[in-house]
């Protein structure tokens, strides 16, 4: 890959340690966590 979107800063540093250019490695947080906090959920009954 040429552009890296990592879930934590620790993982960002690990990708850079693998030889990837720092400007192309971005700590975004995990998209699954974002989904939990931004998805309208079903009611218990539904």
ModelCIF file with pLDDT and N, C-alpha, C, O atoms, coordinates in Angstrom:
data_MODEL
#
_entry.id   MODEL 
#
_entity.id                         1 
_entity.type                       polymer 
_entity.pdbx_number_of_molecules   1 
#
_entity_poly.entity_id                      1 
_entity_poly.type                           'polypeptide(L)' 
_entity_poly.nstd_linkage                   no 
_entity_poly.nstd_monomer                   no 
_entity_poly.pdbx_seq_one_letter_code       
;(UNK)(UNK)(UNK)(UNK)(UNK)(UNK)(UNK)(UNK)(UNK)(UNK)(UNK)(UNK)(UNK)(UNK)(UNK)(UNK)
(UNK)(UNK)(UNK)(UNK)(UNK)(UNK)(UNK)(UNK)(UNK)(UNK)(UNK)(UNK)(UNK)(UNK)(UNK)(UNK)
(UNK)(UNK)(UNK)(UNK)(UNK)(UNK)(UNK)(UNK)(UNK)(UNK)(UNK)(UNK)(UNK)(UNK)
;
_entity_poly.pdbx_seq_one_letter_code_can   XXXXXXXXXXXXXXXXXXXXXXXXXXXXXXXXXXXXXXXXXXXXXX 
_entity_poly.pdbx_strand_id                 A 
#
loop_
_entity_poly_seq.entity_id 
_entity_poly_seq.num 
_entity_poly_seq.mon_id 
_entity_poly_seq.hetero 
1 1  UNK n 
1 2  UNK n 
1 3  UNK n 
1 4  UNK n 
1 5  UNK n 
1 6  UNK n 
1 7  UNK n 
1 8  UNK n 
1 9  UNK n 
1 10 UNK n 
1 11 UNK n 
1 12 UNK n 
1 13 UNK n 
1 14 UNK n 
1 15 UNK n 
1 16 UNK n 
1 17 UNK n 
1 18 UNK n 
1 19 UNK n 
1 20 UNK n 
1 21 UNK n 
1 22 UNK n 
1 23 UNK n 
1 24 UNK n 
1 25 UNK n 
1 26 UNK n 
1 27 UNK n 
1 28 UNK n 
1 29 UNK n 
1 30 UNK n 
1 31 UNK n 
1 32 UNK n 
1 33 UNK n 
1 34 UNK n 
1 35 UNK n 
1 36 UNK n 
1 37 UNK n 
1 38 UNK n 
1 39 UNK n 
1 40 UNK n 
1 41 UNK n 
1 42 UNK n 
1 43 UNK n 
1 44 UNK n 
1 45 UNK n 
1 46 UNK n 
#
_struct_asym.id          A 
_struct_asym.entity_id   1 
#
loop_
_ma_qa_metric.id 
_ma_qa_metric.mode 
_ma_qa_metric.name 
_ma_qa_metric.software_group_id 
_ma_qa_metric.type 
1 global pLDDT . pLDDT 
2 local  pLDDT . pLDDT 
#
_ma_qa_metric_global.metric_id      1 
_ma_qa_metric_global.metric_value   96.07 
_ma_qa_metric_global.model_id       1 
_ma_qa_metric_global.ordinal_id     1 
#
loop_
_ma_qa_metric_local.label_asym_id 
_ma_qa_metric_local.label_comp_id 
_ma_qa_metric_local.label_seq_id 
_ma_qa_metric_local.metric_id 
_ma_qa_metric_local.metric_value 
_ma_qa_metric_local.model_id 
_ma_qa_metric_local.ordinal_id 
A UNK 1  2 98.00 1 1  
A UNK 2  2 97.00 1 2  
A UNK 3  2 98.00 1 3  
A UNK 4  2 98.00 1 4  
A UNK 5  2 98.00 1 5  
A UNK 6  2 98.00 1 6  
A UNK 7  2 97.00 1 7  
A UNK 8  2 97.00 1 8  
A UNK 9  2 97.00 1 9  
A UNK 10 2 97.00 1 10 
A UNK 11 2 97.00 1 11 
A UNK 12 2 98.00 1 12 
A UNK 13 2 97.00 1 13 
A UNK 14 2 97.00 1 14 
A UNK 15 2 98.00 1 15 
A UNK 16 2 98.00 1 16 
A UNK 17 2 96.00 1 17 
A UNK 18 2 97.00 1 18 
A UNK 19 2 97.00 1 19 
A UNK 20 2 98.00 1 20 
A UNK 21 2 97.00 1 21 
A UNK 22 2 97.00 1 22 
A UNK 23 2 96.00 1 23 
A UNK 24 2 97.00 1 24 
A UNK 25 2 98.00 1 25 
A UNK 26 2 98.00 1 26 
A UNK 27 2 98.00 1 27 
A UNK 28 2 98.00 1 28 
A UNK 29 2 97.00 1 29 
A UNK 30 2 97.00 1 30 
A UNK 31 2 96.00 1 31 
A UNK 32 2 94.00 1 32 
A UNK 33 2 95.00 1 33 
A UNK 34 2 94.00 1 34 
A UNK 35 2 91.00 1 35 
A UNK 36 2 90.00 1 36 
A UNK 37 2 89.00 1 37 
A UNK 38 2 91.00 1 38 
A UNK 39 2 91.00 1 39 
A UNK 40 2 93.00 1 40 
A UNK 41 2 94.00 1 41 
A UNK 42 2 96.00 1 42 
A UNK 43 2 96.00 1 43 
A UNK 44 2 95.00 1 44 
A UNK 45 2 96.00 1 45 
A UNK 46 2 97.00 1 46 
#
loop_
_atom_site.group_PDB 
_atom_site.id 
_atom_site.type_symbol 
_atom_site.label_atom_id 
_atom_site.label_alt_id 
_atom_site.label_comp_id 
_atom_site.label_asym_id 
_atom_site.label_entity_id 
_atom_site.label_seq_id 
_atom_site.pdbx_PDB_ins_code 
_atom_site.Cartn_x 
_atom_site.Cartn_y 
_atom_site.Cartn_z 
_atom_site.occupancy 
_atom_site.B_iso_or_equiv 
_atom_site.pdbx_formal_charge 
_atom_site.auth_seq_id 
_atom_site.auth_comp_id 
_atom_site.auth_asym_id 
_atom_site.auth_atom_id 
_atom_site.pdbx_PDB_model_num 
ATOM 1   N N  . UNK A 1 1  ? 0.826   -1.203 0.000  1.00 98.00 ? 1  UNK A N  1 
ATOM 2   C CA . UNK A 1 1  ? 0.000   0.000  0.000  1.00 98.00 ? 1  UNK A CA 1 
ATOM 3   C C  . UNK A 1 1  ? 0.864   1.257  0.000  1.00 98.00 ? 1  UNK A C  1 
ATOM 4   O O  . UNK A 1 1  ? 2.044   1.231  0.348  1.00 98.00 ? 1  UNK A O  1 
ATOM 5   N N  . UNK A 1 2  ? 0.228   2.366  -0.406 1.00 97.00 ? 2  UNK A N  1 
ATOM 6   C CA . UNK A 1 2  ? 0.933   3.646  -0.486 1.00 97.00 ? 2  UNK A CA 1 
ATOM 7   C C  . UNK A 1 2  ? 0.356   4.718  0.433  1.00 97.00 ? 2  UNK A C  1 
ATOM 8   O O  . UNK A 1 2  ? 0.997   5.743  0.666  1.00 97.00 ? 2  UNK A O  1 
ATOM 9   N N  . UNK A 1 3  ? -0.846  4.492  0.957  1.00 98.00 ? 3  UNK A N  1 
ATOM 10  C CA . UNK A 1 3  ? -1.459  5.417  1.907  1.00 98.00 ? 3  UNK A CA 1 
ATOM 11  C C  . UNK A 1 3  ? -2.056  4.573  3.018  1.00 98.00 ? 3  UNK A C  1 
ATOM 12  O O  . UNK A 1 3  ? -2.761  3.599  2.754  1.00 98.00 ? 3  UNK A O  1 
ATOM 13  N N  . UNK A 1 4  ? -1.773  4.946  4.274  1.00 98.00 ? 4  UNK A N  1 
ATOM 14  C CA . UNK A 1 4  ? -2.103  4.095  5.413  1.00 98.00 ? 4  UNK A CA 1 
ATOM 15  C C  . UNK A 1 4  ? -2.954  4.865  6.418  1.00 98.00 ? 4  UNK A C  1 
ATOM 16  O O  . UNK A 1 4  ? -2.578  5.951  6.857  1.00 98.00 ? 4  UNK A O  1 
ATOM 17  N N  . UNK A 1 5  ? -4.101  4.295  6.776  1.00 98.00 ? 5  UNK A N  1 
ATOM 18  C CA . UNK A 1 5  ? -5.004  4.898  7.755  1.00 98.00 ? 5  UNK A CA 1 
ATOM 19  C C  . UNK A 1 5  ? -5.052  3.959  8.949  1.00 98.00 ? 5  UNK A C  1 
ATOM 20  O O  . UNK A 1 5  ? -5.700  2.914  8.893  1.00 98.00 ? 5  UNK A O  1 
ATOM 21  N N  . UNK A 1 6  ? -4.368  4.327  10.033 1.00 98.00 ? 6  UNK A N  1 
ATOM 22  C CA . UNK A 1 6  ? -4.228  3.436  11.176 1.00 98.00 ? 6  UNK A CA 1 
ATOM 23  C C  . UNK A 1 6  ? -5.193  3.814  12.292 1.00 98.00 ? 6  UNK A C  1 
ATOM 24  O O  . UNK A 1 6  ? -5.702  4.934  12.344 1.00 98.00 ? 6  UNK A O  1 
ATOM 25  N N  . UNK A 1 7  ? -5.436  2.847  13.188 1.00 97.00 ? 7  UNK A N  1 
ATOM 26  C CA . UNK A 1 7  ? -6.457  3.020  14.210 1.00 97.00 ? 7  UNK A CA 1 
ATOM 27  C C  . UNK A 1 7  ? -5.952  3.652  15.495 1.00 97.00 ? 7  UNK A C  1 
ATOM 28  O O  . UNK A 1 7  ? -6.757  4.138  16.289 1.00 97.00 ? 7  UNK A O  1 
ATOM 29  N N  . UNK A 1 8  ? -4.650  3.661  15.722 1.00 97.00 ? 8  UNK A N  1 
ATOM 30  C CA . UNK A 1 8  ? -4.077  4.312  16.903 1.00 97.00 ? 8  UNK A CA 1 
ATOM 31  C C  . UNK A 1 8  ? -2.704  4.891  16.528 1.00 97.00 ? 8  UNK A C  1 
ATOM 32  O O  . UNK A 1 8  ? -2.140  4.564  15.484 1.00 97.00 ? 8  UNK A O  1 
ATOM 33  N N  . UNK A 1 9  ? -2.191  5.747  17.396 1.00 97.00 ? 9  UNK A N  1 
ATOM 34  C CA . UNK A 1 9  ? -0.866  6.312  17.155 1.00 97.00 ? 9  UNK A CA 1 
ATOM 35  C C  . UNK A 1 9  ? 0.218   5.240  17.284 1.00 97.00 ? 9  UNK A C  1 
ATOM 36  O O  . UNK A 1 9  ? 1.221   5.287  16.572 1.00 97.00 ? 9  UNK A O  1 
ATOM 37  N N  . UNK A 1 10 ? 0.026   4.293  18.171 1.00 97.00 ? 10 UNK A N  1 
ATOM 38  C CA . UNK A 1 10 ? 0.983   3.185  18.281 1.00 97.00 ? 10 UNK A CA 1 
ATOM 39  C C  . UNK A 1 10 ? 1.082   2.438  16.963 1.00 97.00 ? 10 UNK A C  1 
ATOM 40  O O  . UNK A 1 10 ? 2.179   2.112  16.509 1.00 97.00 ? 10 UNK A O  1 
ATOM 41  N N  . UNK A 1 11 ? -0.059  2.167  16.350 1.00 97.00 ? 11 UNK A N  1 
ATOM 42  C CA . UNK A 1 11 ? -0.046  1.458  15.067 1.00 97.00 ? 11 UNK A CA 1 
ATOM 43  C C  . UNK A 1 11 ? 0.551   2.331  13.964 1.00 97.00 ? 11 UNK A C  1 
ATOM 44  O O  . UNK A 1 11 ? 1.215   1.821  13.061 1.00 97.00 ? 11 UNK A O  1 
ATOM 45  N N  . UNK A 1 12 ? 0.320   3.634  14.033 1.00 98.00 ? 12 UNK A N  1 
ATOM 46  C CA . UNK A 1 12 ? 0.940   4.529  13.052 1.00 98.00 ? 12 UNK A CA 1 
ATOM 47  C C  . UNK A 1 12 ? 2.466   4.429  13.131 1.00 98.00 ? 12 UNK A C  1 
ATOM 48  O O  . UNK A 1 12 ? 3.138   4.307  12.107 1.00 98.00 ? 12 UNK A O  1 
ATOM 49  N N  . UNK A 1 13 ? 3.003   4.482  14.342 1.00 97.00 ? 13 UNK A N  1 
ATOM 50  C CA . UNK A 1 13 ? 4.452   4.404  14.495 1.00 97.00 ? 13 UNK A CA 1 
ATOM 51  C C  . UNK A 1 13 ? 4.987   3.055  14.014 1.00 97.00 ? 13 UNK A C  1 
ATOM 52  O O  . UNK A 1 13 ? 6.094   2.973  13.483 1.00 97.00 ? 13 UNK A O  1 
ATOM 53  N N  . UNK A 1 14 ? 4.200   2.009  14.201 1.00 97.00 ? 14 UNK A N  1 
ATOM 54  C CA . UNK A 1 14 ? 4.648   0.681  13.771 1.00 97.00 ? 14 UNK A CA 1 
ATOM 55  C C  . UNK A 1 14 ? 4.721   0.604  12.245 1.00 97.00 ? 14 UNK A C  1 
ATOM 56  O O  . UNK A 1 14 ? 5.655   0.014  11.701 1.00 97.00 ? 14 UNK A O  1 
ATOM 57  N N  . UNK A 1 15 ? 3.750   1.190  11.553 1.00 98.00 ? 15 UNK A N  1 
ATOM 58  C CA . UNK A 1 15 ? 3.785   1.207  10.087 1.00 98.00 ? 15 UNK A CA 1 
ATOM 59  C C  . UNK A 1 15 ? 4.993   2.008  9.591  1.00 98.00 ? 15 UNK A C  1 
ATOM 60  O O  . UNK A 1 15 ? 5.655   1.605  8.635  1.00 98.00 ? 15 UNK A O  1 
ATOM 61  N N  . UNK A 1 16 ? 5.273   3.117  10.229 1.00 98.00 ? 16 UNK A N  1 
ATOM 62  C CA . UNK A 1 16 ? 6.456   3.909  9.857  1.00 98.00 ? 16 UNK A CA 1 
ATOM 63  C C  . UNK A 1 16 ? 7.725   3.091  10.092 1.00 98.00 ? 16 UNK A C  1 
ATOM 64  O O  . UNK A 1 16 ? 8.660   3.158  9.293  1.00 98.00 ? 16 UNK A O  1 
ATOM 65  N N  . UNK A 1 17 ? 7.766   2.328  11.170 1.00 96.00 ? 17 UNK A N  1 
ATOM 66  C CA . UNK A 1 17 ? 8.928   1.485  11.452 1.00 96.00 ? 17 UNK A CA 1 
ATOM 67  C C  . UNK A 1 17 ? 9.130   0.425  10.380 1.00 96.00 ? 17 UNK A C  1 
ATOM 68  O O  . UNK A 1 17 ? 10.232  -0.102 10.226 1.00 96.00 ? 17 UNK A O  1 
ATOM 69  N N  . UNK A 1 18 ? 8.071   0.108  9.635  1.00 97.00 ? 18 UNK A N  1 
ATOM 70  C CA . UNK A 1 18 ? 8.181   -0.852 8.536  1.00 97.00 ? 18 UNK A CA 1 
ATOM 71  C C  . UNK A 1 18 ? 8.703   -0.196 7.258  1.00 97.00 ? 18 UNK A C  1 
ATOM 72  O O  . UNK A 1 18 ? 8.775   -0.843 6.214  1.00 97.00 ? 18 UNK A O  1 
ATOM 73  N N  . UNK A 1 19 ? 9.066   1.084  7.338  1.00 97.00 ? 19 UNK A N  1 
ATOM 74  C CA . UNK A 1 19 ? 9.671   1.756  6.202  1.00 97.00 ? 19 UNK A CA 1 
ATOM 75  C C  . UNK A 1 19 ? 8.732   2.638  5.406  1.00 97.00 ? 19 UNK A C  1 
ATOM 76  O O  . UNK A 1 19 ? 9.105   3.131  4.342  1.00 97.00 ? 19 UNK A O  1 
ATOM 77  N N  . UNK A 1 20 ? 7.511   2.849  5.904  1.00 98.00 ? 20 UNK A N  1 
ATOM 78  C CA . UNK A 1 20 ? 6.548   3.679  5.178  1.00 98.00 ? 20 UNK A CA 1 
ATOM 79  C C  . UNK A 1 20 ? 6.772   5.156  5.515  1.00 98.00 ? 20 UNK A C  1 
ATOM 80  O O  . UNK A 1 20 ? 7.118   5.502  6.644  1.00 98.00 ? 20 UNK A O  1 
ATOM 81  N N  . UNK A 1 21 ? 6.571   6.011  4.523  1.00 97.00 ? 21 UNK A N  1 
ATOM 82  C CA . UNK A 1 21 ? 6.827   7.437  4.698  1.00 97.00 ? 21 UNK A CA 1 
ATOM 83  C C  . UNK A 1 21 ? 5.851   8.051  5.697  1.00 97.00 ? 21 UNK A C  1 
ATOM 84  O O  . UNK A 1 21 ? 4.643   7.871  5.544  1.00 97.00 ? 21 UNK A O  1 
ATOM 85  N N  . UNK A 1 22 ? 6.324   8.761  6.702  1.00 97.00 ? 22 UNK A N  1 
ATOM 86  C CA . UNK A 1 22 ? 5.442   9.285  7.756  1.00 97.00 ? 22 UNK A CA 1 
ATOM 87  C C  . UNK A 1 22 ? 4.293   10.133 7.236  1.00 97.00 ? 22 UNK A C  1 
ATOM 88  O O  . UNK A 1 22 ? 3.197   10.080 7.793  1.00 97.00 ? 22 UNK A O  1 
ATOM 89  N N  . UNK A 1 23 ? 4.512   10.914 6.183  1.00 96.00 ? 23 UNK A N  1 
ATOM 90  C CA . UNK A 1 23 ? 3.445   11.756 5.657  1.00 96.00 ? 23 UNK A CA 1 
ATOM 91  C C  . UNK A 1 23 ? 2.308   10.995 5.028  1.00 96.00 ? 23 UNK A C  1 
ATOM 92  O O  . UNK A 1 23 ? 1.237   11.550 4.783  1.00 96.00 ? 23 UNK A O  1 
ATOM 93  N N  . UNK A 1 24 ? 2.539   9.714  4.764  1.00 97.00 ? 24 UNK A N  1 
ATOM 94  C CA . UNK A 1 24 ? 1.494   8.878  4.167  1.00 97.00 ? 24 UNK A CA 1 
ATOM 95  C C  . UNK A 1 24 ? 0.869   7.921  5.180  1.00 97.00 ? 24 UNK A C  1 
ATOM 96  O O  . UNK A 1 24 ? 0.111   7.029  4.800  1.00 97.00 ? 24 UNK A O  1 
ATOM 97  N N  . UNK A 1 25 ? 1.177   8.097  6.449  1.00 98.00 ? 25 UNK A N  1 
ATOM 98  C CA . UNK A 1 25 ? 0.628   7.238  7.508  1.00 98.00 ? 25 UNK A CA 1 
ATOM 99  C C  . UNK A 1 25 ? -0.139  8.130  8.475  1.00 98.00 ? 25 UNK A C  1 
ATOM 100 O O  . UNK A 1 25 ? 0.451   8.983  9.138  1.00 98.00 ? 25 UNK A O  1 
ATOM 101 N N  . UNK A 1 26 ? -1.443  7.937  8.557  1.00 98.00 ? 26 UNK A N  1 
ATOM 102 C CA . UNK A 1 26 ? -2.317  8.859  9.276  1.00 98.00 ? 26 UNK A CA 1 
ATOM 103 C C  . UNK A 1 26 ? -3.097  8.099  10.346 1.00 98.00 ? 26 UNK A C  1 
ATOM 104 O O  . UNK A 1 26 ? -3.748  7.096  10.054 1.00 98.00 ? 26 UNK A O  1 
ATOM 105 N N  . UNK A 1 27 ? -3.028  8.578  11.576 1.00 98.00 ? 27 UNK A N  1 
ATOM 106 C CA . UNK A 1 27 ? -3.828  8.006  12.658 1.00 98.00 ? 27 UNK A CA 1 
ATOM 107 C C  . UNK A 1 27 ? -5.237  8.562  12.574 1.00 98.00 ? 27 UNK A C  1 
ATOM 108 O O  . UNK A 1 27 ? -5.463  9.745  12.828 1.00 98.00 ? 27 UNK A O  1 
ATOM 109 N N  . UNK A 1 28 ? -6.180  7.706  12.219 1.00 98.00 ? 28 UNK A N  1 
ATOM 110 C CA . UNK A 1 28 ? -7.573  8.141  12.045 1.00 98.00 ? 28 UNK A CA 1 
ATOM 111 C C  . UNK A 1 28 ? -8.476  7.709  13.195 1.00 98.00 ? 28 UNK A C  1 
ATOM 112 O O  . UNK A 1 28 ? -9.603  8.193  13.301 1.00 98.00 ? 28 UNK A O  1 
ATOM 113 N N  . UNK A 1 29 ? -8.003  6.802  14.066 1.00 97.00 ? 29 UNK A N  1 
ATOM 114 C CA . UNK A 1 29 ? -8.932  6.110  14.952 1.00 97.00 ? 29 UNK A CA 1 
ATOM 115 C C  . UNK A 1 29 ? -9.606  4.989  14.178 1.00 97.00 ? 29 UNK A C  1 
ATOM 116 O O  . UNK A 1 29 ? -9.452  4.889  12.961 1.00 97.00 ? 29 UNK A O  1 
ATOM 117 N N  . UNK A 1 30 ? -10.350 4.148  14.879 1.00 97.00 ? 30 UNK A N  1 
ATOM 118 C CA . UNK A 1 30 ? -10.995 2.987  14.259 1.00 97.00 ? 30 UNK A CA 1 
ATOM 119 C C  . UNK A 1 30 ? -12.378 3.360  13.745 1.00 97.00 ? 30 UNK A C  1 
ATOM 120 O O  . UNK A 1 30 ? -13.192 3.924  14.476 1.00 97.00 ? 30 UNK A O  1 
ATOM 121 N N  . UNK A 1 31 ? -12.634 3.043  12.486 1.00 96.00 ? 31 UNK A N  1 
ATOM 122 C CA . UNK A 1 31 ? -13.920 3.392  11.885 1.00 96.00 ? 31 UNK A CA 1 
ATOM 123 C C  . UNK A 1 31 ? -15.070 2.632  12.551 1.00 96.00 ? 31 UNK A C  1 
ATOM 124 O O  . UNK A 1 31 ? -16.198 3.123  12.581 1.00 96.00 ? 31 UNK A O  1 
ATOM 125 N N  . UNK A 1 32 ? -14.792 1.437  13.085 1.00 94.00 ? 32 UNK A N  1 
ATOM 126 C CA . UNK A 1 32 ? -15.854 0.696  13.759 1.00 94.00 ? 32 UNK A CA 1 
ATOM 127 C C  . UNK A 1 32 ? -16.359 1.400  15.002 1.00 94.00 ? 32 UNK A C  1 
ATOM 128 O O  . UNK A 1 32 ? -17.552 1.349  15.302 1.00 94.00 ? 32 UNK A O  1 
ATOM 129 N N  . UNK A 1 33 ? -15.469 2.055  15.727 1.00 95.00 ? 33 UNK A N  1 
ATOM 130 C CA . UNK A 1 33 ? -15.884 2.822  16.904 1.00 95.00 ? 33 UNK A CA 1 
ATOM 131 C C  . UNK A 1 33 ? -16.737 4.006  16.468 1.00 95.00 ? 33 UNK A C  1 
ATOM 132 O O  . UNK A 1 33 ? -17.765 4.292  17.082 1.00 95.00 ? 33 UNK A O  1 
ATOM 133 N N  . UNK A 1 34 ? -16.320 4.689  15.421 1.00 94.00 ? 34 UNK A N  1 
ATOM 134 C CA . UNK A 1 34 ? -17.117 5.797  14.883 1.00 94.00 ? 34 UNK A CA 1 
ATOM 135 C C  . UNK A 1 34 ? -18.525 5.308  14.529 1.00 94.00 ? 34 UNK A C  1 
ATOM 136 O O  . UNK A 1 34 ? -19.509 5.986  14.823 1.00 94.00 ? 34 UNK A O  1 
ATOM 137 N N  . UNK A 1 35 ? -18.622 4.135  13.901 1.00 91.00 ? 35 UNK A N  1 
ATOM 138 C CA . UNK A 1 35 ? -19.934 3.610  13.502 1.00 91.00 ? 35 UNK A CA 1 
ATOM 139 C C  . UNK A 1 35 ? -20.854 3.420  14.707 1.00 91.00 ? 35 UNK A C  1 
ATOM 140 O O  . UNK A 1 35 ? -22.034 3.770  14.663 1.00 91.00 ? 35 UNK A O  1 
ATOM 141 N N  . UNK A 1 36 ? -20.295 2.858  15.784 1.00 90.00 ? 36 UNK A N  1 
ATOM 142 C CA . UNK A 1 36 ? -21.105 2.621  16.980 1.00 90.00 ? 36 UNK A CA 1 
ATOM 143 C C  . UNK A 1 36 ? -21.714 3.923  17.497 1.00 90.00 ? 36 UNK A C  1 
ATOM 144 O O  . UNK A 1 36 ? -22.873 3.962  17.911 1.00 90.00 ? 36 UNK A O  1 
ATOM 145 N N  . UNK A 1 37 ? -20.925 4.968  17.467 1.00 89.00 ? 37 UNK A N  1 
ATOM 146 C CA . UNK A 1 37 ? -21.350 6.232  18.061 1.00 89.00 ? 37 UNK A CA 1 
ATOM 147 C C  . UNK A 1 37 ? -22.229 7.063  17.132 1.00 89.00 ? 37 UNK A C  1 
ATOM 148 O O  . UNK A 1 37 ? -22.803 8.061  17.567 1.00 89.00 ? 37 UNK A O  1 
ATOM 149 N N  . UNK A 1 38 ? -22.347 6.677  15.863 1.00 91.00 ? 38 UNK A N  1 
ATOM 150 C CA . UNK A 1 38 ? -23.076 7.498  14.894 1.00 91.00 ? 38 UNK A CA 1 
ATOM 151 C C  . UNK A 1 38 ? -24.161 6.742  14.134 1.00 91.00 ? 38 UNK A C  1 
ATOM 152 O O  . UNK A 1 38 ? -24.732 7.283  13.188 1.00 91.00 ? 38 UNK A O  1 
ATOM 153 N N  . UNK A 1 39 ? -24.455 5.514  14.521 1.00 91.00 ? 39 UNK A N  1 
ATOM 154 C CA . UNK A 1 39 ? -25.492 4.730  13.850 1.00 91.00 ? 39 UNK A CA 1 
ATOM 155 C C  . UNK A 1 39 ? -26.754 4.704  14.699 1.00 91.00 ? 39 UNK A C  1 
ATOM 156 O O  . UNK A 1 39 ? -26.692 4.275  15.851 1.00 91.00 ? 39 UNK A O  1 
ATOM 157 N N  . UNK A 1 40 ? -27.913 5.149  14.174 1.00 93.00 ? 40 UNK A N  1 
ATOM 158 C CA . UNK A 1 40 ? -29.179 4.990  14.902 1.00 93.00 ? 40 UNK A CA 1 
ATOM 159 C C  . UNK A 1 40 ? -29.493 3.501  15.063 1.00 93.00 ? 40 UNK A C  1 
ATOM 160 O O  . UNK A 1 40 ? -29.566 2.766  14.078 1.00 93.00 ? 40 UNK A O  1 
ATOM 161 N N  . UNK A 1 41 ? -29.675 3.068  16.296 1.00 94.00 ? 41 UNK A N  1 
ATOM 162 C CA . UNK A 1 41 ? -29.817 1.648  16.570 1.00 94.00 ? 41 UNK A CA 1 
ATOM 163 C C  . UNK A 1 41 ? -31.277 1.246  16.749 1.00 94.00 ? 41 UNK A C  1 
ATOM 164 O O  . UNK A 1 41 ? -32.144 2.082  17.004 1.00 94.00 ? 41 UNK A O  1 
ATOM 165 N N  . UNK A 1 42 ? -31.525 -0.052 16.608 1.00 96.00 ? 42 UNK A N  1 
ATOM 166 C CA . UNK A 1 42 ? -32.860 -0.595 16.824 1.00 96.00 ? 42 UNK A CA 1 
ATOM 167 C C  . UNK A 1 42 ? -33.225 -0.532 18.307 1.00 96.00 ? 42 UNK A C  1 
ATOM 168 O O  . UNK A 1 42 ? -32.352 -0.557 19.174 1.00 96.00 ? 42 UNK A O  1 
ATOM 169 N N  . UNK A 1 43 ? -34.511 -0.450 18.578 1.00 96.00 ? 43 UNK A N  1 
ATOM 170 C CA . UNK A 1 43 ? -34.970 -0.557 19.963 1.00 96.00 ? 43 UNK A CA 1 
ATOM 171 C C  . UNK A 1 43 ? -34.854 -2.004 20.419 1.00 96.00 ? 43 UNK A C  1 
ATOM 172 O O  . UNK A 1 43 ? -34.715 -2.918 19.606 1.00 96.00 ? 43 UNK A O  1 
ATOM 173 N N  . UNK A 1 44 ? -34.914 -2.196 21.726 1.00 95.00 ? 44 UNK A N  1 
ATOM 174 C CA . UNK A 1 44 ? -34.865 -3.559 22.263 1.00 95.00 ? 44 UNK A CA 1 
ATOM 175 C C  . UNK A 1 44 ? -35.984 -4.415 21.678 1.00 95.00 ? 44 UNK A C  1 
ATOM 176 O O  . UNK A 1 44 ? -35.773 -5.583 21.354 1.00 95.00 ? 44 UNK A O  1 
ATOM 177 N N  . UNK A 1 45 ? -37.165 -3.835 21.547 1.00 96.00 ? 45 UNK A N  1 
ATOM 178 C CA . UNK A 1 45 ? -38.313 -4.587 21.031 1.00 96.00 ? 45 UNK A CA 1 
ATOM 179 C C  . UNK A 1 45 ? -38.113 -4.963 19.573 1.00 96.00 ? 45 UNK A C  1 
ATOM 180 O O  . UNK A 1 45 ? -38.418 -6.087 19.174 1.00 96.00 ? 45 UNK A O  1 
ATOM 181 N N  . UNK A 1 46 ? -37.605 -4.034 18.778 1.00 97.00 ? 46 UNK A N  1 
ATOM 182 C CA . UNK A 1 46 ? -37.360 -4.322 17.362 1.00 97.00 ? 46 UNK A CA 1 
ATOM 183 C C  . UNK A 1 46 ? -36.304 -5.415 17.197 1.00 97.00 ? 46 UNK A C  1 
ATOM 184 O O  . UNK A 1 46 ? -35.971 -5.787 16.072 1.00 97.00 ? 46 UNK A O  1 
#
